[in-house]
N, C-alpha and C. Protein backbone atom coordinates (compact mmCIF):
# COMPACT_ATOMS: atom_id res chain seq x y z
N MET A 1 -10.14 -7.81 -20.10
CA MET A 1 -9.25 -8.47 -21.03
C MET A 1 -9.77 -9.88 -21.28
N LYS A 2 -9.75 -10.29 -22.54
CA LYS A 2 -10.21 -11.62 -22.94
C LYS A 2 -8.99 -12.50 -23.20
N ILE A 3 -8.93 -13.62 -22.49
CA ILE A 3 -7.81 -14.55 -22.61
C ILE A 3 -8.27 -15.81 -23.31
N LEU A 4 -7.55 -16.19 -24.36
CA LEU A 4 -7.73 -17.50 -24.98
C LEU A 4 -6.64 -18.39 -24.42
N ALA A 5 -7.03 -19.53 -23.87
CA ALA A 5 -6.07 -20.44 -23.27
C ALA A 5 -6.30 -21.85 -23.81
N PHE A 6 -5.20 -22.56 -24.03
CA PHE A 6 -5.32 -23.94 -24.48
C PHE A 6 -4.01 -24.69 -24.27
N ALA A 7 -4.14 -26.01 -24.26
CA ALA A 7 -2.98 -26.90 -24.26
C ALA A 7 -2.87 -27.50 -25.64
N GLY A 8 -1.67 -27.68 -26.12
CA GLY A 8 -1.45 -28.28 -27.44
C GLY A 8 -1.53 -29.79 -27.38
N SER A 9 -2.61 -30.29 -26.79
CA SER A 9 -2.78 -31.71 -26.57
C SER A 9 -4.26 -32.06 -26.58
N THR A 10 -4.57 -33.29 -26.94
CA THR A 10 -5.96 -33.76 -26.85
C THR A 10 -6.12 -34.81 -25.76
N SER A 11 -5.09 -35.04 -24.97
CA SER A 11 -5.15 -36.03 -23.90
C SER A 11 -6.12 -35.60 -22.81
N SER A 12 -6.92 -36.54 -22.34
CA SER A 12 -7.86 -36.24 -21.24
C SER A 12 -7.10 -36.00 -19.94
N THR A 13 -5.86 -36.43 -19.87
CA THR A 13 -5.03 -36.22 -18.68
C THR A 13 -3.83 -35.33 -19.00
N SER A 14 -4.02 -34.36 -19.87
CA SER A 14 -2.94 -33.50 -20.35
C SER A 14 -2.27 -32.74 -19.21
N ILE A 15 -0.96 -32.93 -19.09
CA ILE A 15 -0.21 -32.18 -18.08
C ILE A 15 -0.06 -30.72 -18.52
N ASN A 16 -0.06 -30.48 -19.81
CA ASN A 16 0.00 -29.11 -20.31
C ASN A 16 -1.28 -28.35 -19.99
N ARG A 17 -2.40 -29.02 -20.06
CA ARG A 17 -3.67 -28.40 -19.68
C ARG A 17 -3.65 -28.04 -18.19
N GLU A 18 -3.07 -28.92 -17.37
CA GLU A 18 -2.97 -28.64 -15.94
C GLU A 18 -2.10 -27.41 -15.68
N LEU A 19 -1.01 -27.28 -16.42
CA LEU A 19 -0.16 -26.10 -16.28
C LEU A 19 -0.91 -24.83 -16.69
N VAL A 20 -1.65 -24.89 -17.78
CA VAL A 20 -2.44 -23.73 -18.21
C VAL A 20 -3.47 -23.36 -17.15
N LYS A 21 -4.18 -24.34 -16.63
CA LYS A 21 -5.21 -24.07 -15.60
C LYS A 21 -4.58 -23.44 -14.36
N PHE A 22 -3.39 -23.90 -13.99
CA PHE A 22 -2.70 -23.32 -12.84
C PHE A 22 -2.36 -21.85 -13.09
N VAL A 23 -1.83 -21.55 -14.25
CA VAL A 23 -1.47 -20.17 -14.58
C VAL A 23 -2.71 -19.27 -14.65
N LEU A 24 -3.80 -19.81 -15.13
CA LEU A 24 -5.03 -19.01 -15.25
C LEU A 24 -5.56 -18.52 -13.90
N LYS A 25 -5.16 -19.17 -12.82
CA LYS A 25 -5.57 -18.72 -11.48
C LYS A 25 -5.07 -17.30 -11.20
N ASP A 26 -4.00 -16.88 -11.90
CA ASP A 26 -3.47 -15.53 -11.74
C ASP A 26 -4.23 -14.51 -12.58
N PHE A 27 -5.24 -14.96 -13.30
CA PHE A 27 -6.02 -14.08 -14.17
C PHE A 27 -7.51 -14.21 -13.89
N GLN A 28 -7.86 -14.46 -12.63
CA GLN A 28 -9.25 -14.73 -12.27
C GLN A 28 -10.20 -13.57 -12.55
N ASN A 29 -9.69 -12.37 -12.61
CA ASN A 29 -10.57 -11.21 -12.85
C ASN A 29 -10.76 -10.93 -14.34
N GLU A 30 -10.22 -11.79 -15.18
CA GLU A 30 -10.31 -11.60 -16.63
C GLU A 30 -11.32 -12.58 -17.23
N GLU A 31 -11.72 -12.30 -18.44
CA GLU A 31 -12.62 -13.20 -19.16
C GLU A 31 -11.77 -14.29 -19.81
N ILE A 32 -11.97 -15.52 -19.36
CA ILE A 32 -11.13 -16.64 -19.80
C ILE A 32 -11.93 -17.59 -20.69
N ASN A 33 -11.34 -17.92 -21.83
CA ASN A 33 -11.90 -18.92 -22.72
C ASN A 33 -10.88 -20.04 -22.83
N LEU A 34 -11.03 -21.08 -22.00
CA LEU A 34 -10.13 -22.24 -22.00
C LEU A 34 -10.73 -23.26 -22.97
N ILE A 35 -10.09 -23.42 -24.12
CA ILE A 35 -10.62 -24.32 -25.13
C ILE A 35 -9.91 -25.66 -25.09
N ASP A 36 -10.55 -26.66 -25.67
CA ASP A 36 -10.04 -28.02 -25.74
C ASP A 36 -9.83 -28.36 -27.21
N LEU A 37 -8.62 -28.78 -27.57
CA LEU A 37 -8.35 -29.11 -28.97
C LEU A 37 -9.22 -30.25 -29.48
N ASN A 38 -9.80 -31.03 -28.58
CA ASN A 38 -10.73 -32.08 -29.02
C ASN A 38 -11.94 -31.50 -29.74
N ASP A 39 -12.23 -30.23 -29.50
CA ASP A 39 -13.35 -29.57 -30.18
C ASP A 39 -12.97 -29.08 -31.57
N TYR A 40 -11.72 -29.31 -31.97
CA TYR A 40 -11.22 -28.84 -33.27
C TYR A 40 -10.62 -30.00 -34.08
N THR A 41 -11.26 -31.15 -33.98
CA THR A 41 -10.81 -32.32 -34.72
C THR A 41 -11.19 -32.17 -36.18
N MET A 42 -10.21 -32.34 -37.04
CA MET A 42 -10.39 -32.18 -38.49
C MET A 42 -9.64 -33.29 -39.20
N PRO A 43 -9.96 -33.51 -40.48
CA PRO A 43 -9.15 -34.46 -41.24
C PRO A 43 -7.70 -33.98 -41.28
N VAL A 44 -6.78 -34.91 -41.45
CA VAL A 44 -5.38 -34.55 -41.56
C VAL A 44 -5.21 -33.65 -42.79
N PHE A 45 -4.55 -32.51 -42.57
CA PHE A 45 -4.40 -31.52 -43.64
C PHE A 45 -3.72 -32.12 -44.86
N SER A 46 -4.24 -31.76 -46.03
CA SER A 46 -3.58 -32.05 -47.31
C SER A 46 -4.06 -31.02 -48.32
N VAL A 47 -3.25 -30.75 -49.31
CA VAL A 47 -3.65 -29.78 -50.33
C VAL A 47 -4.84 -30.30 -51.13
N ASP A 48 -4.97 -31.60 -51.25
CA ASP A 48 -6.14 -32.16 -51.93
C ASP A 48 -7.42 -31.85 -51.18
N LEU A 49 -7.40 -32.02 -49.87
CA LEU A 49 -8.58 -31.69 -49.06
C LEU A 49 -8.82 -30.19 -49.03
N GLU A 50 -7.74 -29.41 -49.00
CA GLU A 50 -7.87 -27.96 -48.99
C GLU A 50 -8.64 -27.47 -50.22
N LYS A 51 -8.45 -28.11 -51.35
CA LYS A 51 -9.15 -27.72 -52.58
C LYS A 51 -10.66 -27.90 -52.45
N LYS A 52 -11.08 -28.76 -51.53
CA LYS A 52 -12.51 -29.00 -51.31
C LYS A 52 -13.11 -28.02 -50.30
N GLY A 53 -12.25 -27.22 -49.65
CA GLY A 53 -12.72 -26.25 -48.67
C GLY A 53 -12.13 -26.52 -47.30
N PHE A 54 -12.31 -25.54 -46.45
CA PHE A 54 -11.73 -25.60 -45.11
C PHE A 54 -12.75 -26.08 -44.08
N PRO A 55 -12.33 -26.90 -43.14
CA PRO A 55 -13.24 -27.35 -42.08
C PRO A 55 -13.72 -26.18 -41.24
N ASN A 56 -14.94 -26.28 -40.81
CA ASN A 56 -15.53 -25.27 -39.94
C ASN A 56 -14.69 -25.05 -38.68
N GLU A 57 -14.11 -26.13 -38.15
CA GLU A 57 -13.31 -26.05 -36.93
C GLU A 57 -12.10 -25.14 -37.10
N ALA A 58 -11.52 -25.11 -38.28
CA ALA A 58 -10.38 -24.22 -38.52
C ALA A 58 -10.82 -22.77 -38.44
N HIS A 59 -11.98 -22.46 -39.03
CA HIS A 59 -12.53 -21.11 -38.94
C HIS A 59 -12.87 -20.75 -37.49
N GLN A 60 -13.41 -21.72 -36.76
CA GLN A 60 -13.76 -21.49 -35.35
C GLN A 60 -12.51 -21.19 -34.51
N PHE A 61 -11.45 -21.93 -34.75
CA PHE A 61 -10.20 -21.70 -34.02
C PHE A 61 -9.68 -20.29 -34.30
N LEU A 62 -9.68 -19.89 -35.53
CA LEU A 62 -9.24 -18.53 -35.89
C LEU A 62 -10.14 -17.48 -35.25
N GLN A 63 -11.43 -17.76 -35.18
CA GLN A 63 -12.36 -16.81 -34.56
C GLN A 63 -12.06 -16.65 -33.07
N ARG A 64 -11.70 -17.77 -32.40
CA ARG A 64 -11.34 -17.69 -30.97
C ARG A 64 -10.14 -16.76 -30.79
N ILE A 65 -9.17 -16.87 -31.70
CA ILE A 65 -8.00 -16.00 -31.62
C ILE A 65 -8.40 -14.55 -31.88
N GLU A 66 -9.22 -14.34 -32.89
CA GLU A 66 -9.65 -12.98 -33.20
C GLU A 66 -10.40 -12.35 -32.03
N ASP A 67 -11.18 -13.14 -31.32
CA ASP A 67 -12.01 -12.64 -30.23
C ASP A 67 -11.24 -12.36 -28.94
N CYS A 68 -9.99 -12.80 -28.85
CA CYS A 68 -9.24 -12.63 -27.60
C CYS A 68 -8.32 -11.42 -27.67
N ASP A 69 -7.83 -11.06 -26.49
CA ASP A 69 -6.81 -10.01 -26.38
C ASP A 69 -5.42 -10.60 -26.20
N VAL A 70 -5.34 -11.74 -25.51
CA VAL A 70 -4.07 -12.41 -25.26
C VAL A 70 -4.26 -13.93 -25.35
N ILE A 71 -3.14 -14.62 -25.56
CA ILE A 71 -3.14 -16.08 -25.65
C ILE A 71 -2.20 -16.64 -24.60
N ILE A 72 -2.68 -17.65 -23.89
CA ILE A 72 -1.85 -18.40 -22.95
C ILE A 72 -1.95 -19.86 -23.38
N CYS A 73 -0.81 -20.44 -23.75
CA CYS A 73 -0.85 -21.84 -24.17
C CYS A 73 0.37 -22.59 -23.67
N SER A 74 0.18 -23.90 -23.56
CA SER A 74 1.27 -24.79 -23.19
C SER A 74 1.27 -25.95 -24.17
N LEU A 75 2.39 -26.14 -24.83
CA LEU A 75 2.49 -27.12 -25.90
C LEU A 75 3.00 -28.46 -25.40
N ALA A 76 2.30 -29.50 -25.80
CA ALA A 76 2.76 -30.86 -25.54
C ALA A 76 3.86 -31.18 -26.55
N GLU A 77 4.79 -32.00 -26.12
CA GLU A 77 5.87 -32.42 -27.02
C GLU A 77 5.73 -33.91 -27.32
N HIS A 78 5.58 -34.21 -28.59
CA HIS A 78 5.53 -35.60 -29.04
C HIS A 78 6.69 -35.81 -30.02
N ASN A 79 7.58 -36.71 -29.70
CA ASN A 79 8.74 -37.00 -30.56
C ASN A 79 9.48 -35.72 -30.95
N ARG A 80 9.68 -34.85 -29.96
CA ARG A 80 10.46 -33.62 -30.11
C ARG A 80 9.80 -32.54 -30.96
N SER A 81 8.49 -32.62 -31.12
CA SER A 81 7.78 -31.61 -31.90
C SER A 81 6.37 -31.45 -31.35
N TYR A 82 5.56 -30.67 -32.08
CA TYR A 82 4.16 -30.46 -31.70
C TYR A 82 3.41 -31.79 -31.71
N SER A 83 2.35 -31.88 -30.92
CA SER A 83 1.47 -33.04 -31.02
C SER A 83 0.81 -33.00 -32.39
N ALA A 84 0.44 -34.16 -32.91
CA ALA A 84 -0.21 -34.24 -34.23
C ALA A 84 -1.51 -33.44 -34.22
N ALA A 85 -2.23 -33.48 -33.12
CA ALA A 85 -3.51 -32.76 -33.03
C ALA A 85 -3.30 -31.25 -33.17
N PHE A 86 -2.33 -30.70 -32.42
CA PHE A 86 -2.07 -29.27 -32.52
C PHE A 86 -1.56 -28.91 -33.91
N LYS A 87 -0.63 -29.70 -34.43
CA LYS A 87 -0.05 -29.41 -35.74
C LYS A 87 -1.13 -29.38 -36.82
N ASN A 88 -2.11 -30.25 -36.72
CA ASN A 88 -3.18 -30.28 -37.71
C ASN A 88 -4.05 -29.03 -37.62
N VAL A 89 -4.39 -28.61 -36.41
CA VAL A 89 -5.16 -27.36 -36.23
C VAL A 89 -4.34 -26.20 -36.79
N PHE A 90 -3.08 -26.16 -36.44
CA PHE A 90 -2.15 -25.12 -36.90
C PHE A 90 -2.09 -25.10 -38.44
N ASP A 91 -1.95 -26.29 -39.05
CA ASP A 91 -1.85 -26.36 -40.51
C ASP A 91 -3.11 -25.84 -41.19
N TRP A 92 -4.27 -26.30 -40.76
CA TRP A 92 -5.52 -25.86 -41.39
C TRP A 92 -5.74 -24.36 -41.19
N ALA A 93 -5.61 -23.90 -39.95
CA ALA A 93 -5.91 -22.50 -39.66
C ALA A 93 -4.92 -21.55 -40.35
N SER A 94 -3.66 -21.94 -40.42
CA SER A 94 -2.66 -21.06 -41.05
C SER A 94 -2.84 -21.00 -42.57
N ARG A 95 -3.50 -21.96 -43.14
CA ARG A 95 -3.78 -21.89 -44.58
C ARG A 95 -4.91 -20.90 -44.87
N ILE A 96 -5.77 -20.69 -43.90
CA ILE A 96 -6.82 -19.68 -44.04
C ILE A 96 -6.24 -18.29 -43.79
N ASN A 97 -5.42 -18.20 -42.73
CA ASN A 97 -4.80 -16.93 -42.36
C ASN A 97 -3.37 -17.20 -41.92
N VAL A 98 -2.40 -16.85 -42.76
CA VAL A 98 -1.00 -17.10 -42.41
C VAL A 98 -0.60 -16.35 -41.14
N LYS A 99 -1.33 -15.29 -40.82
CA LYS A 99 -1.08 -14.57 -39.57
C LYS A 99 -1.99 -15.15 -38.49
N LEU A 100 -1.88 -16.45 -38.36
CA LEU A 100 -2.71 -17.25 -37.49
C LEU A 100 -2.92 -16.64 -36.10
N PHE A 101 -1.84 -16.20 -35.47
CA PHE A 101 -1.93 -15.70 -34.09
C PHE A 101 -2.29 -14.22 -34.01
N GLN A 102 -2.44 -13.58 -35.15
CA GLN A 102 -3.03 -12.26 -35.28
C GLN A 102 -2.40 -11.19 -34.38
N ASN A 103 -1.09 -11.32 -34.17
CA ASN A 103 -0.32 -10.37 -33.37
C ASN A 103 -0.79 -10.24 -31.93
N LYS A 104 -1.42 -11.29 -31.42
CA LYS A 104 -1.89 -11.28 -30.02
C LYS A 104 -0.71 -11.58 -29.10
N PRO A 105 -0.60 -10.86 -28.00
CA PRO A 105 0.44 -11.17 -27.01
C PRO A 105 0.25 -12.59 -26.49
N MET A 106 1.36 -13.31 -26.35
CA MET A 106 1.28 -14.71 -25.97
C MET A 106 2.24 -15.03 -24.82
N LEU A 107 1.73 -15.81 -23.88
CA LEU A 107 2.57 -16.46 -22.88
C LEU A 107 2.65 -17.91 -23.35
N LEU A 108 3.83 -18.33 -23.75
CA LEU A 108 4.05 -19.65 -24.33
C LEU A 108 4.74 -20.55 -23.32
N MET A 109 4.16 -21.71 -23.09
CA MET A 109 4.71 -22.63 -22.10
C MET A 109 4.79 -24.05 -22.67
N SER A 110 5.50 -24.89 -21.94
CA SER A 110 5.55 -26.31 -22.24
C SER A 110 5.93 -27.04 -20.96
N THR A 111 5.55 -28.30 -20.90
CA THR A 111 5.97 -29.16 -19.81
C THR A 111 6.03 -30.58 -20.33
N SER A 112 6.77 -31.42 -19.61
CA SER A 112 6.86 -32.83 -19.97
C SER A 112 7.30 -33.61 -18.73
N PRO A 113 7.14 -34.92 -18.78
CA PRO A 113 7.61 -35.73 -17.66
C PRO A 113 9.14 -35.74 -17.56
N GLY A 114 9.83 -35.48 -18.66
CA GLY A 114 11.30 -35.53 -18.68
C GLY A 114 11.95 -34.24 -18.23
N GLY A 115 13.24 -34.29 -18.17
CA GLY A 115 14.04 -33.19 -17.65
C GLY A 115 14.18 -31.99 -18.56
N TYR A 116 13.77 -32.11 -19.81
CA TYR A 116 13.91 -30.98 -20.74
C TYR A 116 12.65 -30.11 -20.79
N GLY A 117 11.56 -30.57 -20.18
CA GLY A 117 10.36 -29.75 -20.03
C GLY A 117 9.69 -29.36 -21.34
N GLY A 118 9.79 -30.20 -22.35
CA GLY A 118 9.21 -29.83 -23.64
C GLY A 118 10.06 -28.81 -24.37
N GLY A 119 11.33 -28.76 -24.05
CA GLY A 119 12.22 -27.75 -24.62
C GLY A 119 12.34 -27.80 -26.14
N ASN A 120 12.22 -28.98 -26.72
CA ASN A 120 12.32 -29.07 -28.17
C ASN A 120 11.14 -28.37 -28.85
N VAL A 121 9.94 -28.66 -28.38
CA VAL A 121 8.76 -28.01 -28.98
C VAL A 121 8.78 -26.51 -28.66
N MET A 122 9.26 -26.16 -27.48
CA MET A 122 9.35 -24.74 -27.12
C MET A 122 10.30 -24.02 -28.07
N ASN A 123 11.45 -24.59 -28.32
CA ASN A 123 12.41 -23.95 -29.22
C ASN A 123 11.85 -23.82 -30.63
N THR A 124 11.16 -24.84 -31.09
CA THR A 124 10.53 -24.78 -32.41
C THR A 124 9.48 -23.67 -32.45
N ALA A 125 8.62 -23.64 -31.44
CA ALA A 125 7.55 -22.63 -31.40
C ALA A 125 8.12 -21.21 -31.30
N LYS A 126 9.15 -21.01 -30.49
CA LYS A 126 9.76 -19.68 -30.37
C LYS A 126 10.31 -19.21 -31.70
N THR A 127 10.78 -20.15 -32.51
CA THR A 127 11.33 -19.80 -33.81
C THR A 127 10.23 -19.53 -34.84
N PHE A 128 9.21 -20.40 -34.87
CA PHE A 128 8.24 -20.33 -35.96
C PHE A 128 6.97 -19.56 -35.66
N PHE A 129 6.51 -19.53 -34.42
CA PHE A 129 5.26 -18.81 -34.13
C PHE A 129 5.31 -17.34 -34.55
N PRO A 130 6.41 -16.62 -34.33
CA PRO A 130 6.44 -15.22 -34.78
C PRO A 130 6.25 -15.07 -36.29
N GLN A 131 6.62 -16.07 -37.06
CA GLN A 131 6.39 -16.02 -38.50
C GLN A 131 4.91 -16.15 -38.84
N PHE A 132 4.11 -16.54 -37.85
CA PHE A 132 2.67 -16.65 -38.01
C PHE A 132 1.96 -15.64 -37.11
N ALA A 133 2.66 -14.50 -36.89
CA ALA A 133 2.13 -13.34 -36.17
C ALA A 133 1.86 -13.59 -34.69
N ALA A 134 2.69 -14.40 -34.06
CA ALA A 134 2.62 -14.54 -32.60
C ALA A 134 3.52 -13.49 -31.98
N ASP A 135 3.00 -12.80 -31.00
CA ASP A 135 3.77 -11.81 -30.25
C ASP A 135 4.12 -12.42 -28.90
N ILE A 136 5.15 -13.27 -28.89
CA ILE A 136 5.53 -14.00 -27.69
C ILE A 136 6.18 -13.03 -26.70
N LYS A 137 5.50 -12.82 -25.60
CA LYS A 137 5.99 -11.89 -24.58
C LYS A 137 6.90 -12.58 -23.57
N ASP A 138 6.61 -13.86 -23.28
CA ASP A 138 7.45 -14.60 -22.36
C ASP A 138 7.21 -16.09 -22.56
N THR A 139 8.15 -16.89 -22.04
CA THR A 139 8.07 -18.35 -22.16
C THR A 139 8.41 -18.98 -20.82
N PHE A 140 7.89 -20.20 -20.65
CA PHE A 140 8.20 -20.96 -19.44
C PHE A 140 8.11 -22.44 -19.75
N SER A 141 9.15 -23.18 -19.36
CA SER A 141 9.14 -24.64 -19.49
C SER A 141 9.28 -25.26 -18.11
N LEU A 142 8.43 -26.22 -17.83
CA LEU A 142 8.47 -26.93 -16.55
C LEU A 142 8.95 -28.36 -16.79
N PRO A 143 10.18 -28.68 -16.37
CA PRO A 143 10.68 -30.05 -16.52
C PRO A 143 10.11 -30.97 -15.44
N LYS A 144 10.21 -32.26 -15.69
CA LYS A 144 9.84 -33.28 -14.68
C LYS A 144 8.50 -32.95 -14.02
N PHE A 145 7.48 -32.86 -14.83
CA PHE A 145 6.15 -32.44 -14.37
C PHE A 145 5.74 -33.18 -13.10
N TYR A 146 5.86 -34.49 -13.08
CA TYR A 146 5.33 -35.26 -11.95
C TYR A 146 6.13 -35.08 -10.67
N GLU A 147 7.33 -34.55 -10.77
CA GLU A 147 8.13 -34.23 -9.58
C GLU A 147 7.92 -32.78 -9.13
N ASN A 148 7.54 -31.91 -10.07
CA ASN A 148 7.49 -30.47 -9.79
C ASN A 148 6.09 -29.87 -9.78
N PHE A 149 5.07 -30.72 -9.94
CA PHE A 149 3.70 -30.21 -10.01
C PHE A 149 2.79 -31.15 -9.24
N ASP A 150 1.88 -30.56 -8.49
CA ASP A 150 0.86 -31.30 -7.76
C ASP A 150 -0.50 -30.81 -8.25
N LEU A 151 -1.41 -31.72 -8.53
CA LEU A 151 -2.71 -31.33 -9.09
C LEU A 151 -3.50 -30.40 -8.16
N GLU A 152 -3.28 -30.49 -6.88
CA GLU A 152 -3.97 -29.61 -5.92
C GLU A 152 -3.24 -28.29 -5.73
N SER A 153 -1.92 -28.34 -5.63
CA SER A 153 -1.13 -27.16 -5.29
C SER A 153 -0.50 -26.45 -6.48
N GLY A 154 -0.37 -27.14 -7.60
CA GLY A 154 0.29 -26.55 -8.76
C GLY A 154 1.78 -26.80 -8.73
N VAL A 155 2.56 -25.81 -9.15
CA VAL A 155 4.02 -25.95 -9.18
C VAL A 155 4.51 -25.97 -7.73
N ILE A 156 5.19 -27.05 -7.36
CA ILE A 156 5.63 -27.21 -5.97
C ILE A 156 7.12 -26.99 -5.78
N ASN A 157 7.87 -26.95 -6.85
CA ASN A 157 9.29 -26.64 -6.75
C ASN A 157 9.41 -25.13 -6.52
N PRO A 158 9.96 -24.70 -5.38
CA PRO A 158 9.98 -23.27 -5.05
C PRO A 158 10.71 -22.40 -6.08
N ASP A 159 11.82 -22.89 -6.61
CA ASP A 159 12.57 -22.10 -7.60
C ASP A 159 11.78 -21.95 -8.89
N MET A 160 11.16 -23.03 -9.32
CA MET A 160 10.38 -22.97 -10.56
C MET A 160 9.12 -22.14 -10.38
N LEU A 161 8.52 -22.23 -9.20
CA LEU A 161 7.34 -21.41 -8.92
C LEU A 161 7.70 -19.94 -8.92
N LYS A 162 8.84 -19.61 -8.33
CA LYS A 162 9.31 -18.22 -8.33
C LYS A 162 9.53 -17.74 -9.76
N GLU A 163 10.19 -18.56 -10.58
CA GLU A 163 10.43 -18.20 -11.98
C GLU A 163 9.10 -18.00 -12.73
N LEU A 164 8.17 -18.93 -12.54
CA LEU A 164 6.88 -18.82 -13.22
C LEU A 164 6.14 -17.56 -12.77
N ASN A 165 6.12 -17.30 -11.49
CA ASN A 165 5.42 -16.10 -10.99
C ASN A 165 6.04 -14.82 -11.56
N GLU A 166 7.37 -14.79 -11.65
CA GLU A 166 8.04 -13.63 -12.25
C GLU A 166 7.65 -13.46 -13.71
N LYS A 167 7.55 -14.56 -14.43
CA LYS A 167 7.18 -14.51 -15.84
C LYS A 167 5.72 -14.08 -16.02
N ILE A 168 4.85 -14.54 -15.13
CA ILE A 168 3.45 -14.13 -15.19
C ILE A 168 3.34 -12.63 -14.93
N GLU A 169 4.06 -12.14 -13.94
CA GLU A 169 4.02 -10.70 -13.64
C GLU A 169 4.59 -9.88 -14.79
N ASN A 170 5.69 -10.36 -15.36
CA ASN A 170 6.28 -9.70 -16.51
C ASN A 170 5.29 -9.66 -17.68
N PHE A 171 4.62 -10.77 -17.90
CA PHE A 171 3.61 -10.86 -18.96
C PHE A 171 2.49 -9.84 -18.72
N LYS A 172 2.02 -9.77 -17.49
CA LYS A 172 0.94 -8.83 -17.14
C LYS A 172 1.38 -7.38 -17.40
N ILE A 173 2.60 -7.06 -17.03
CA ILE A 173 3.12 -5.70 -17.26
C ILE A 173 3.16 -5.41 -18.75
N GLN A 174 3.64 -6.36 -19.53
CA GLN A 174 3.76 -6.14 -20.97
C GLN A 174 2.41 -5.99 -21.67
N ILE A 175 1.40 -6.72 -21.21
CA ILE A 175 0.10 -6.64 -21.89
C ILE A 175 -0.71 -5.43 -21.44
N LYS A 176 -0.32 -4.83 -20.32
CA LYS A 176 -1.01 -3.61 -19.86
C LYS A 176 -0.51 -2.39 -20.61
N ASN A 177 0.71 -2.46 -21.13
CA ASN A 177 1.31 -1.30 -21.84
C ASN A 177 0.80 -1.17 -23.24
């Protein structure tokens, strides 16, 4: 199985990237492509620029999705929505293919330093990603990242770790069927 994994952030210290890397440890026997949104930097989307053609990076992002079997991502929340970097990749790629996520099974996550765990961006994504052909199989939000996650150990809150492990197992069962 080929897994495409990414964080919806370009931060070099992305907590969402750390959450994705932690979850990927449960998929060590699979082919993993952990991409960095910094490799998909494009001009800010506009219809004027679209008339001049699409950036190569947008095509590359779509190709990564086409080449995978499943998607594991964790979205950063900036001002209660997607990060500008992710939104720009999303905007460009969805103009090439409105079925951006190509019906790939997805484990959708978010985390934040605050108590809502990126819940605003999670709710937005749960609503809109399926309209762009995302097959969201399960979701997980980790609140208070710095209290509940250790860079060496991963999720350290026992209840949240139990919930995450159950969701990972559920995801695995769904993608095997």
